[in-house]
């Protein structure tokens, strides 16, 4: 992959390499690959967890 001198200072710096890699076109096969189960989002988030604990605490408090 040819690197571009993005800053125009006449030399290829690490930042020029990073920008060139970031703007590289991604292969279509790489985009259509299935997402591994580890990276898939689970069903619950912060709000769900908070509401669960608050409702358990409320039921416990009312039961006393």
C-alpha atoms as a PDB file:
ATOM      1  CA  UNK A   1       0.000   0.000   0.000  1.00  0.00           C
ATOM      2  CA  UNK A   2       1.470   3.358  -0.955  1.00  0.00           C
ATOM      3  CA  UNK A   3       1.502   5.907   1.824  1.00  0.00           C
ATOM      4  CA  UNK A   4       0.568   9.532   1.146  1.00  0.00           C
ATOM      5  CA  UNK A   5       2.350  12.542   2.617  1.00  0.00           C
ATOM      6  CA  UNK A   6      -0.829  14.035   4.127  1.00  0.00           C
ATOM      7  CA  UNK A   7       0.926  16.940   5.869  1.00  0.00           C
ATOM      8  CA  UNK A   8       2.951  17.889   2.790  1.00  0.00           C
ATOM      9  CA  UNK A   9       6.254  18.199   4.646  1.00  0.00           C
ATOM     10  CA  UNK A  10       8.140  15.919   2.234  1.00  0.00           C
ATOM     11  CA  UNK A  11       8.459  12.882   4.505  1.00  0.00           C
ATOM     12  CA  UNK A  12       6.207  10.028   5.593  1.00  0.00           C
ATOM     13  CA  UNK A  13       5.610  10.314   9.344  1.00  0.00           C
ATOM     14  CA  UNK A  14       3.771   7.824  11.609  1.00  0.00           C
ATOM     15  CA  UNK A  15       0.716  10.085  11.470  1.00  0.00           C
ATOM     16  CA  UNK A  16       0.784   9.924   7.637  1.00  0.00           C
ATOM     17  CA  UNK A  17       0.890   6.122   7.828  1.00  0.00           C
ATOM     18  CA  UNK A  18      -2.010   6.065  10.317  1.00  0.00           C
ATOM     19  CA  UNK A  19      -4.162   8.317   8.143  1.00  0.00           C
ATOM     20  CA  UNK A  20      -3.369   6.212   5.059  1.00  0.00           C
ATOM     21  CA  UNK A  21      -4.342   3.011   6.866  1.00  0.00           C
ATOM     22  CA  UNK A  22      -7.534   4.593   8.254  1.00  0.00           C
ATOM     23  CA  UNK A  23      -8.643   5.749   4.798  1.00  0.00           C
ATOM     24  CA  UNK A  24      -7.849   2.400   3.145  1.00  0.00           C
ATOM     25  CA  UNK A  25     -10.813   0.824   1.350  1.00  0.00           C
ATOM     26  CA  UNK A  26     -12.041  -2.298   3.132  1.00  0.00           C
ATOM     27  CA  UNK A  27     -12.616  -5.528   1.197  1.00  0.00           C
ATOM     28  CA  UNK A  28     -16.321  -6.431   0.769  1.00  0.00           C
ATOM     29  CA  UNK A  29     -15.788  -9.980   2.060  1.00  0.00           C
ATOM     30  CA  UNK A  30     -14.415  -8.582   5.298  1.00  0.00           C
ATOM     31  CA  UNK A  31     -17.568  -6.487   5.814  1.00  0.00           C
ATOM     32  CA  UNK A  32     -19.992  -9.373   5.247  1.00  0.00           C
ATOM     33  CA  UNK A  33     -18.321 -11.725   7.726  1.00  0.00           C
ATOM     34  CA  UNK A  34     -20.597 -12.680  10.632  1.00  0.00           C
ATOM     35  CA  UNK A  35     -20.004 -10.924  13.937  1.00  0.00           C
ATOM     36  CA  UNK A  36     -18.546 -13.273  16.557  1.00  0.00           C
ATOM     37  CA  UNK A  37     -20.822 -14.024  19.514  1.00  0.00           C
ATOM     38  CA  UNK A  38     -18.364 -12.365  21.881  1.00  0.00           C
ATOM     39  CA  UNK A  39     -18.812  -9.029  20.101  1.00  0.00           C
ATOM     40  CA  UNK A  40     -22.617  -9.178  19.787  1.00  0.00           C
ATOM     41  CA  UNK A  41     -24.550  -6.877  22.096  1.00  0.00           C
ATOM     42  CA  UNK A  42     -26.399  -8.518  24.956  1.00  0.00           C
ATOM     43  CA  UNK A  43     -30.016  -7.728  25.753  1.00  0.00           C
ATOM     44  CA  UNK A  44     -29.455  -5.681  28.900  1.00  0.00           C
ATOM     45  CA  UNK A  45     -27.857  -2.350  29.473  1.00  0.00           C
ATOM     46  CA  UNK A  46     -27.300   0.081  32.308  1.00  0.00           C
ATOM     47  CA  UNK A  47     -30.909   1.227  32.447  1.00  0.00           C
ATOM     48  CA  UNK A  48     -32.234  -2.333  32.535  1.00  0.00           C
ATOM     49  CA  UNK A  49     -29.836  -3.258  35.329  1.00  0.00           C
ATOM     50  CA  UNK A  50     -30.683  -0.139  37.346  1.00  0.00           C
ATOM     51  CA  UNK A  51     -34.433  -0.675  37.018  1.00  0.00           C
ATOM     52  CA  UNK A  52     -34.046  -4.334  38.027  1.00  0.00           C
ATOM     53  CA  UNK A  53     -32.159  -3.477  41.210  1.00  0.00           C
ATOM     54  CA  UNK A  54     -34.505  -0.612  42.092  1.00  0.00           C
ATOM     55  CA  UNK A  55     -37.584  -2.811  41.615  1.00  0.00           C
ATOM     56  CA  UNK A  56     -36.059  -5.611  43.728  1.00  0.00           C
ATOM     57  CA  UNK A  57     -35.214  -3.107  46.460  1.00  0.00           C
ATOM     58  CA  UNK A  58     -38.754  -1.634  46.321  1.00  0.00           C
ATOM     59  CA  UNK A  59     -40.408  -5.048  46.541  1.00  0.00           C
ATOM     60  CA  UNK A  60     -38.121  -6.028  49.417  1.00  0.00           C
ATOM     61  CA  UNK A  61     -38.857  -2.776  51.254  1.00  0.00           C
ATOM     62  CA  UNK A  62     -42.623  -3.142  50.780  1.00  0.00           C
ATOM     63  CA  UNK A  63     -42.579  -6.766  51.907  1.00  0.00           C
ATOM     64  CA  UNK A  64     -41.090  -5.853  55.302  1.00  0.00           C
END
